[in-house]
PDB file of all heavy atoms in Angstrom:
ATOM      1  N   ILE A   1     -11.967 -19.880  -3.102  1.00  0.00           N
ATOM      2  CA  ILE A   1     -11.807 -19.594  -1.642  1.00  0.00           C
ATOM      3  C   ILE A   1     -12.227 -18.220  -1.254  1.00  0.00           C
ATOM      4  O   ILE A   1     -12.314 -17.875  -0.041  1.00  0.00           O
ATOM      5  CB  ILE A   1     -10.344 -19.792  -1.147  1.00  0.00           C
ATOM      6  CG1 ILE A   1      -9.363 -18.754  -1.806  1.00  0.00           C
ATOM      7  CG2 ILE A   1      -9.811 -21.215  -1.417  1.00  0.00           C
ATOM      8  CD1 ILE A   1      -7.975 -18.754  -1.140  1.00  0.00           C
ATOM      9  N   PHE A   2     -12.485 -17.325  -2.257  1.00  0.00           N
ATOM     10  CA  PHE A   2     -12.880 -16.032  -1.949  1.00  0.00           C
ATOM     11  C   PHE A   2     -14.318 -15.990  -1.326  1.00  0.00           C
ATOM     12  O   PHE A   2     -15.128 -16.912  -1.673  1.00  0.00           O
ATOM     13  CB  PHE A   2     -12.915 -15.168  -3.191  1.00  0.00           C
ATOM     14  CG  PHE A   2     -11.528 -14.798  -3.858  1.00  0.00           C
ATOM     15  CD1 PHE A   2     -11.384 -14.440  -5.097  1.00  0.00           C
ATOM     16  CD2 PHE A   2     -10.437 -14.810  -3.073  1.00  0.00           C
ATOM     17  CE1 PHE A   2     -10.203 -14.156  -5.694  1.00  0.00           C
ATOM     18  CE2 PHE A   2      -9.190 -14.531  -3.519  1.00  0.00           C
ATOM     19  CZ  PHE A   2      -9.096 -14.182  -4.867  1.00  0.00           C
ATOM     20  N   TYR A   3     -14.500 -15.067  -0.478  1.00  0.00           N
ATOM     21  CA  TYR A   3     -15.779 -14.966   0.184  1.00  0.00           C
ATOM     22  C   TYR A   3     -16.877 -14.324  -0.749  1.00  0.00           C
ATOM     23  O   TYR A   3     -16.469 -13.577  -1.646  1.00  0.00           O
ATOM     24  CB  TYR A   3     -15.724 -14.108   1.407  1.00  0.00           C
ATOM     25  CG  TYR A   3     -14.923 -14.785   2.547  1.00  0.00           C
ATOM     26  CD1 TYR A   3     -13.596 -14.647   2.704  1.00  0.00           C
ATOM     27  CD2 TYR A   3     -15.703 -15.465   3.505  1.00  0.00           C
ATOM     28  CE1 TYR A   3     -12.874 -15.168   3.783  1.00  0.00           C
ATOM     29  CE2 TYR A   3     -14.951 -16.112   4.569  1.00  0.00           C
ATOM     30  CZ  TYR A   3     -13.681 -15.981   4.701  1.00  0.00           C
ATOM     31  OH  TYR A   3     -12.963 -16.603   5.691  1.00  0.00           O
ATOM     32  N   PRO A   4     -18.133 -14.629  -0.617  1.00  0.00           N
ATOM     33  CA  PRO A   4     -19.207 -14.033  -1.517  1.00  0.00           C
ATOM     34  C   PRO A   4     -19.225 -12.475  -1.346  1.00  0.00           C
ATOM     35  O   PRO A   4     -19.800 -11.859  -2.265  1.00  0.00           O
ATOM     36  CB  PRO A   4     -20.473 -14.642  -0.888  1.00  0.00           C
ATOM     37  CG  PRO A   4     -20.016 -15.899  -0.312  1.00  0.00           C
ATOM     38  CD  PRO A   4     -18.655 -15.609   0.373  1.00  0.00           C
ATOM     39  N   CYS A   5     -18.652 -11.886  -0.261  1.00  0.00           N
ATOM     40  CA  CYS A   5     -18.655 -10.463  -0.101  1.00  0.00           C
ATOM     41  C   CYS A   5     -17.647  -9.723  -1.002  1.00  0.00           C
ATOM     42  O   CYS A   5     -17.572  -8.488  -0.954  1.00  0.00           O
ATOM     43  CB  CYS A   5     -18.463 -10.090   1.364  1.00  0.00           C
ATOM     44  SG  CYS A   5     -16.855 -10.785   2.006  1.00  0.00           S
ATOM     45  N   SER A   6     -16.829 -10.522  -1.705  1.00  0.00           N
ATOM     46  CA  SER A   6     -15.842  -9.913  -2.628  1.00  0.00           C
ATOM     47  C   SER A   6     -16.422  -9.791  -3.989  1.00  0.00           C
ATOM     48  O   SER A   6     -16.819 -10.780  -4.624  1.00  0.00           O
ATOM     49  CB  SER A   6     -14.521 -10.771  -2.656  1.00  0.00           C
ATOM     50  OG  SER A   6     -13.668 -10.279  -3.607  1.00  0.00           O
ATOM     51  N   TYR A   7     -16.431  -8.570  -4.600  1.00  0.00           N
ATOM     52  CA  TYR A   7     -17.176  -8.348  -5.868  1.00  0.00           C
ATOM     53  C   TYR A   7     -16.355  -7.909  -7.010  1.00  0.00           C
ATOM     54  O   TYR A   7     -16.863  -7.979  -8.158  1.00  0.00           O
ATOM     55  CB  TYR A   7     -18.236  -7.231  -5.600  1.00  0.00           C
ATOM     56  CG  TYR A   7     -19.378  -7.648  -4.727  1.00  0.00           C
ATOM     57  CD1 TYR A   7     -19.258  -7.600  -3.309  1.00  0.00           C
ATOM     58  CD2 TYR A   7     -20.490  -8.198  -5.251  1.00  0.00           C
ATOM     59  CE1 TYR A   7     -20.309  -7.967  -2.448  1.00  0.00           C
ATOM     60  CE2 TYR A   7     -21.616  -8.599  -4.443  1.00  0.00           C
ATOM     61  CZ  TYR A   7     -21.464  -8.450  -3.084  1.00  0.00           C
ATOM     62  OH  TYR A   7     -22.533  -8.854  -2.244  1.00  0.00           O
ATOM     63  N   SER A   8     -15.082  -7.619  -6.855  1.00  0.00           N
ATOM     64  CA  SER A   8     -14.310  -7.053  -7.898  1.00  0.00           C
ATOM     65  C   SER A   8     -13.807  -8.137  -8.885  1.00  0.00           C
ATOM     66  O   SER A   8     -13.158  -9.112  -8.455  1.00  0.00           O
ATOM     67  CB  SER A   8     -13.062  -6.316  -7.302  1.00  0.00           C
ATOM     68  OG  SER A   8     -12.240  -5.800  -8.323  1.00  0.00           O
ATOM     69  N   CYS A   9     -14.041  -7.935 -10.164  1.00  0.00           N
ATOM     70  CA  CYS A   9     -13.507  -8.794 -11.251  1.00  0.00           C
ATOM     71  C   CYS A   9     -13.741 -10.250 -11.020  1.00  0.00           C
ATOM     72  O   CYS A   9     -12.812 -11.143 -11.107  1.00  0.00           O
ATOM     73  CB  CYS A   9     -11.969  -8.545 -11.300  1.00  0.00           C
ATOM     74  SG  CYS A   9     -11.411  -6.877 -11.691  1.00  0.00           S
ATOM     75  N   ARG A  10     -14.979 -10.611 -10.671  1.00  0.00           N
ATOM     76  CA  ARG A  10     -15.403 -12.012 -10.426  1.00  0.00           C
ATOM     77  C   ARG A  10     -16.655 -12.333 -11.237  1.00  0.00           C
ATOM     78  O   ARG A  10     -17.520 -11.445 -11.369  1.00  0.00           O
ATOM     79  CB  ARG A  10     -15.642 -12.275  -9.000  1.00  0.00           C
ATOM     80  CG  ARG A  10     -14.429 -12.099  -8.115  1.00  0.00           C
ATOM     81  CD  ARG A  10     -14.751 -12.467  -6.641  1.00  0.00           C
ATOM     82  NE  ARG A  10     -15.077 -13.883  -6.537  1.00  0.00           N
ATOM     83  CZ  ARG A  10     -15.615 -14.427  -5.455  1.00  0.00           C
ATOM     84  NH1 ARG A  10     -16.000 -13.631  -4.439  1.00  0.00           N
ATOM     85  NH2 ARG A  10     -15.867 -15.726  -5.352  1.00  0.00           N
ATOM     86  N   VAL A  11     -16.755 -13.522 -11.745  1.00  0.00           N
ATOM     87  CA  VAL A  11     -17.903 -13.950 -12.505  1.00  0.00           C
ATOM     88  C   VAL A  11     -19.150 -13.886 -11.657  1.00  0.00           C
ATOM     89  O   VAL A  11     -19.095 -14.315 -10.464  1.00  0.00           O
ATOM     90  CB  VAL A  11     -17.729 -15.365 -13.056  1.00  0.00           C
ATOM     91  CG1 VAL A  11     -18.990 -15.893 -13.800  1.00  0.00           C
ATOM     92  CG2 VAL A  11     -16.521 -15.413 -14.028  1.00  0.00           C
ATOM     93  N   ARG A  12     -20.222 -13.372 -12.132  1.00  0.00           N
ATOM     94  CA  ARG A  12     -21.517 -13.220 -11.437  1.00  0.00           C
ATOM     95  C   ARG A  12     -21.400 -12.380 -10.209  1.00  0.00           C
ATOM     96  O   ARG A  12     -22.275 -12.390  -9.318  1.00  0.00           O
ATOM     97  CB  ARG A  12     -22.067 -14.626 -11.031  1.00  0.00           C
ATOM     98  CG  ARG A  12     -22.494 -15.484 -12.291  1.00  0.00           C
ATOM     99  CD  ARG A  12     -23.104 -16.760 -11.790  1.00  0.00           C
ATOM    100  NE  ARG A  12     -22.113 -17.629 -11.163  1.00  0.00           N
ATOM    101  CZ  ARG A  12     -21.303 -18.377 -11.883  1.00  0.00           C
ATOM    102  NH1 ARG A  12     -21.369 -18.426 -13.183  1.00  0.00           N
ATOM    103  NH2 ARG A  12     -20.475 -19.214 -11.215  1.00  0.00           N
ATOM    104  N   LYS A  13     -20.472 -11.448 -10.166  1.00  0.00           N
ATOM    105  CA  LYS A  13     -20.339 -10.464  -9.149  1.00  0.00           C
ATOM    106  C   LYS A  13     -20.302  -9.035  -9.827  1.00  0.00           C
ATOM    107  O   LYS A  13     -21.167  -8.765 -10.531  1.00  0.00           O
ATOM    108  CB  LYS A  13     -19.045 -10.733  -8.381  1.00  0.00           C
ATOM    109  CG  LYS A  13     -19.127 -11.979  -7.463  1.00  0.00           C
ATOM    110  CD  LYS A  13     -20.135 -11.803  -6.286  1.00  0.00           C
ATOM    111  CE  LYS A  13     -20.140 -13.047  -5.406  1.00  0.00           C
ATOM    112  NZ  LYS A  13     -21.071 -12.891  -4.359  1.00  0.00           N
ATOM    113  N   GLY A  14     -19.332  -8.263  -9.524  1.00  0.00           N
ATOM    114  CA  GLY A  14     -19.121  -6.951 -10.193  1.00  0.00           C
ATOM    115  C   GLY A  14     -19.931  -5.851  -9.531  1.00  0.00           C
ATOM    116  O   GLY A  14     -20.584  -6.004  -8.469  1.00  0.00           O
ATOM    117  N   THR A  15     -19.860  -4.638 -10.159  1.00  0.00           N
ATOM    118  CA  THR A  15     -20.419  -3.432  -9.634  1.00  0.00           C
ATOM    119  C   THR A  15     -21.853  -3.533  -9.289  1.00  0.00           C
ATOM    120  O   THR A  15     -22.309  -3.229  -8.189  1.00  0.00           O
ATOM    121  CB  THR A  15     -20.132  -2.296 -10.578  1.00  0.00           C
ATOM    122  OG1 THR A  15     -18.726  -2.182 -10.824  1.00  0.00           O
ATOM    123  CG2 THR A  15     -20.663  -0.981 -10.062  1.00  0.00           C
ATOM    124  N   HIS A  16     -22.697  -3.900 -10.329  1.00  0.00           N
ATOM    125  CA  HIS A  16     -24.096  -3.816 -10.147  1.00  0.00           C
ATOM    126  C   HIS A  16     -24.567  -4.886  -9.149  1.00  0.00           C
ATOM    127  O   HIS A  16     -25.552  -4.643  -8.368  1.00  0.00           O
ATOM    128  CB  HIS A  16     -24.846  -4.023 -11.481  1.00  0.00           C
ATOM    129  CG  HIS A  16     -24.535  -2.960 -12.440  1.00  0.00           C
ATOM    130  ND1 HIS A  16     -24.179  -3.234 -13.793  1.00  0.00           N
ATOM    131  CD2 HIS A  16     -24.287  -1.667 -12.291  1.00  0.00           C
ATOM    132  CE1 HIS A  16     -23.918  -2.105 -14.368  1.00  0.00           C
ATOM    133  NE2 HIS A  16     -23.944  -1.124 -13.551  1.00  0.00           N
ATOM    134  N   LYS A  17     -24.000  -6.063  -9.068  1.00  0.00           N
ATOM    135  CA  LYS A  17     -24.325  -7.063  -8.074  1.00  0.00           C
ATOM    136  C   LYS A  17     -24.033  -6.478  -6.642  1.00  0.00           C
ATOM    137  O   LYS A  17     -24.774  -6.624  -5.719  1.00  0.00           O
ATOM    138  CB  LYS A  17     -23.581  -8.297  -8.329  1.00  0.00           C
ATOM    139  CG  LYS A  17     -23.748  -9.492  -7.260  1.00  0.00           C
ATOM    140  CD  LYS A  17     -25.133  -9.973  -7.179  1.00  0.00           C
ATOM    141  CE  LYS A  17     -25.156 -11.089  -6.244  1.00  0.00           C
ATOM    142  NZ  LYS A  17     -26.582 -11.511  -5.948  1.00  0.00           N
ATOM    143  N   GLY A  18     -22.893  -5.817  -6.537  1.00  0.00           N
ATOM    144  CA  GLY A  18     -22.510  -5.177  -5.232  1.00  0.00           C
ATOM    145  C   GLY A  18     -23.528  -4.167  -4.798  1.00  0.00           C
ATOM    146  O   GLY A  18     -23.890  -4.145  -3.645  1.00  0.00           O
ATOM    147  N   VAL A  19     -23.918  -3.286  -5.703  1.00  0.00           N
ATOM    148  CA  VAL A  19     -24.853  -2.250  -5.317  1.00  0.00           C
ATOM    149  C   VAL A  19     -26.153  -2.856  -4.997  1.00  0.00           C
ATOM    150  O   VAL A  19     -26.886  -2.469  -3.982  1.00  0.00           O
ATOM    151  CB  VAL A  19     -25.078  -1.296  -6.574  1.00  0.00           C
ATOM    152  CG1 VAL A  19     -26.240  -0.350  -6.340  1.00  0.00           C
ATOM    153  CG2 VAL A  19     -23.762  -0.457  -6.765  1.00  0.00           C
ATOM    154  N   LYS A  20     -26.629  -3.855  -5.769  1.00  0.00           N
ATOM    155  CA  LYS A  20     -27.940  -4.503  -5.411  1.00  0.00           C
ATOM    156  C   LYS A  20     -27.914  -5.174  -4.013  1.00  0.00           C
ATOM    157  O   LYS A  20     -28.893  -5.055  -3.272  1.00  0.00           O
ATOM    158  CB  LYS A  20     -28.159  -5.561  -6.503  1.00  0.00           C
ATOM    159  CG  LYS A  20     -29.558  -6.366  -6.333  1.00  0.00           C
ATOM    160  CD  LYS A  20     -29.691  -7.313  -7.384  1.00  0.00           C
ATOM    161  CE  LYS A  20     -30.970  -8.186  -7.224  1.00  0.00           C
ATOM    162  NZ  LYS A  20     -31.041  -9.198  -8.324  1.00  0.00           N
ATOM    163  N   ASP A  21     -26.838  -5.868  -3.714  1.00  0.00           N
ATOM    164  CA  ASP A  21     -26.755  -6.533  -2.461  1.00  0.00           C
ATOM    165  C   ASP A  21     -26.663  -5.569  -1.259  1.00  0.00           C
ATOM    166  O   ASP A  21     -27.308  -5.804  -0.195  1.00  0.00           O
ATOM    167  CB  ASP A  21     -25.546  -7.490  -2.379  1.00  0.00           C
ATOM    168  CG  ASP A  21     -25.748  -8.677  -3.271  1.00  0.00           C
ATOM    169  OD1 ASP A  21     -26.895  -8.889  -3.766  1.00  0.00           O
ATOM    170  OD2 ASP A  21     -24.782  -9.452  -3.462  1.00  0.00           O
ATOM    171  N   VAL A  22     -25.959  -4.493  -1.412  1.00  0.00           N
ATOM    172  CA  VAL A  22     -25.861  -3.476  -0.380  1.00  0.00           C
ATOM    173  C   VAL A  22     -27.157  -2.852  -0.126  1.00  0.00           C
ATOM    174  O   VAL A  22     -27.607  -2.692   1.108  1.00  0.00           O
ATOM    175  CB  VAL A  22     -24.779  -2.349  -0.850  1.00  0.00           C
ATOM    176  CG1 VAL A  22     -24.944  -1.149   0.099  1.00  0.00           C
ATOM    177  CG2 VAL A  22     -23.376  -2.909  -0.633  1.00  0.00           C
ATOM    178  N   GLN A  23     -27.954  -2.478  -1.241  1.00  0.00           N
ATOM    179  CA  GLN A  23     -29.169  -1.907  -1.013  1.00  0.00           C
ATOM    180  C   GLN A  23     -30.221  -2.863  -0.329  1.00  0.00           C
ATOM    181  O   GLN A  23     -31.030  -2.450   0.536  1.00  0.00           O
ATOM    182  CB  GLN A  23     -29.767  -1.326  -2.278  1.00  0.00           C
ATOM    183  CG  GLN A  23     -31.058  -0.526  -2.068  1.00  0.00           C
ATOM    184  CD  GLN A  23     -31.493   0.161  -3.345  1.00  0.00           C
ATOM    185  OE1 GLN A  23     -31.717  -0.527  -4.411  1.00  0.00           O
ATOM    186  NE2 GLN A  23     -31.718   1.429  -3.346  1.00  0.00           N
ATOM    187  N   ALA A  24     -30.143  -4.099  -0.703  1.00  0.00           N
ATOM    188  CA  ALA A  24     -31.001  -5.079  -0.128  1.00  0.00           C
ATOM    189  C   ALA A  24     -30.747  -5.257   1.399  1.00  0.00           C
ATOM    190  O   ALA A  24     -31.634  -5.359   2.142  1.00  0.00           O
ATOM    191  CB  ALA A  24     -30.823  -6.412  -0.775  1.00  0.00           C
ATOM    192  N   THR A  25     -29.465  -5.110   1.751  1.00  0.00           N
ATOM    193  CA  THR A  25     -29.070  -5.212   3.187  1.00  0.00           C
ATOM    194  C   THR A  25     -29.566  -4.027   3.938  1.00  0.00           C
ATOM    195  O   THR A  25     -30.086  -4.117   5.038  1.00  0.00           O
ATOM    196  CB  THR A  25     -27.583  -5.423   3.273  1.00  0.00           C
ATOM    197  OG1 THR A  25     -27.140  -6.536   2.551  1.00  0.00           O
ATOM    198  CG2 THR A  25     -27.175  -5.592   4.750  1.00  0.00           C
ATOM    199  N   ILE A  26     -29.440  -2.829   3.300  1.00  0.00           N
ATOM    200  CA  ILE A  26     -30.012  -1.598   3.993  1.00  0.00           C
ATOM    201  C   ILE A  26     -31.432  -1.736   4.190  1.00  0.00           C
ATOM    202  O   ILE A  26     -31.969  -1.495   5.356  1.00  0.00           O
ATOM    203  CB  ILE A  26     -29.765  -0.405   3.093  1.00  0.00           C
ATOM    204  CG1 ILE A  26     -28.233  -0.023   3.015  1.00  0.00           C
ATOM    205  CG2 ILE A  26     -30.507   0.810   3.532  1.00  0.00           C
ATOM    206  CD1 ILE A  26     -27.858   1.046   2.020  1.00  0.00           C
ATOM    207  N   ARG A  27     -32.253  -2.223   3.254  1.00  0.00           N
ATOM    208  CA  ARG A  27     -33.662  -2.392   3.438  1.00  0.00           C
ATOM    209  C   ARG A  27     -33.938  -3.443   4.512  1.00  0.00           C
ATOM    210  O   ARG A  27     -34.870  -3.317   5.289  1.00  0.00           O
ATOM    211  CB  ARG A  27     -34.264  -2.828   2.112  1.00  0.00           C
ATOM    212  CG  ARG A  27     -34.286  -1.722   1.146  1.00  0.00           C
ATOM    213  CD  ARG A  27     -34.690  -2.258  -0.289  1.00  0.00           C
ATOM    214  NE  ARG A  27     -34.868  -1.206  -1.283  1.00  0.00           N
ATOM    215  CZ  ARG A  27     -34.938  -1.348  -2.541  1.00  0.00           C
ATOM    216  NH1 ARG A  27     -35.090  -2.642  -3.126  1.00  0.00           N
ATOM    217  NH2 ARG A  27     -35.048  -0.330  -3.353  1.00  0.00           N
ATOM    218  N   ARG A  28     -33.169  -4.535   4.591  1.00  0.00           N
ATOM    219  CA  ARG A  28     -33.481  -5.559   5.618  1.00  0.00           C
ATOM    220  C   ARG A  28     -33.196  -5.087   6.991  1.00  0.00           C
ATOM    221  O   ARG A  28     -34.039  -5.335   7.935  1.00  0.00           O
ATOM    222  CB  ARG A  28     -32.510  -6.765   5.287  1.00  0.00           C
ATOM    223  CG  ARG A  28     -32.590  -7.885   6.284  1.00  0.00           C
ATOM    224  CD  ARG A  28     -31.919  -9.160   5.822  1.00  0.00           C
ATOM    225  NE  ARG A  28     -30.540  -8.856   5.492  1.00  0.00           N
ATOM    226  CZ  ARG A  28     -29.463  -8.760   6.320  1.00  0.00           C
ATOM    227  NH1 ARG A  28     -29.791  -8.794   7.713  1.00  0.00           N
ATOM    228  NH2 ARG A  28     -28.312  -8.591   5.954  1.00  0.00           N
ATOM    229  N   ILE A  29     -32.134  -4.242   7.201  1.00  0.00           N
ATOM    230  CA  ILE A  29     -31.860  -3.755   8.544  1.00  0.00           C
ATOM    231  C   ILE A  29     -32.978  -2.727   8.899  1.00  0.00           C
ATOM    232  O   ILE A  29     -33.414  -2.719  10.047  1.00  0.00           O
ATOM    233  CB  ILE A  29     -30.464  -3.028   8.555  1.00  0.00           C
ATOM    234  CG1 ILE A  29     -29.323  -4.053   8.308  1.00  0.00           C
ATOM    235  CG2 ILE A  29     -30.264  -2.308   9.914  1.00  0.00           C
ATOM    236  CD1 ILE A  29     -27.952  -3.511   8.160  1.00  0.00           C
ATOM    237  N   GLU A  30     -33.417  -1.810   7.966  1.00  0.00           N
ATOM    238  CA  GLU A  30     -34.432  -0.875   8.301  1.00  0.00           C
ATOM    239  C   GLU A  30     -35.711  -1.579   8.544  1.00  0.00           C
ATOM    240  O   GLU A  30     -36.577  -1.068   9.303  1.00  0.00           O
ATOM    241  CB  GLU A  30     -34.491   0.077   7.077  1.00  0.00           C
ATOM    242  CG  GLU A  30     -33.336   1.109   7.056  1.00  0.00           C
ATOM    243  CD  GLU A  30     -33.623   2.337   6.108  1.00  0.00           C
ATOM    244  OE1 GLU A  30     -34.539   2.197   5.305  1.00  0.00           O
ATOM    245  OE2 GLU A  30     -32.976   3.336   6.308  1.00  0.00           O
ATOM    246  N   SER A  31     -36.017  -2.690   7.900  1.00  0.00           N
ATOM    247  CA  SER A  31     -37.312  -3.402   8.091  1.00  0.00           C
ATOM    248  C   SER A  31     -37.384  -3.901   9.558  1.00  0.00           C
ATOM    249  O   SER A  31     -38.537  -4.266  10.013  1.00  0.00           O
ATOM    250  CB  SER A  31     -37.409  -4.580   7.131  1.00  0.00           C
ATOM    251  OG  SER A  31     -36.490  -5.645   7.532  1.00  0.00           O
TER     252      SER A  31
END
């Protein structure tokens, strides 16, 4: 039931996935 935006202690999530998704969103908004 957790949302995809929750990254802590979850399979296929975690620190690096969170950083990657944040940076991709920054680029998308700036584009």
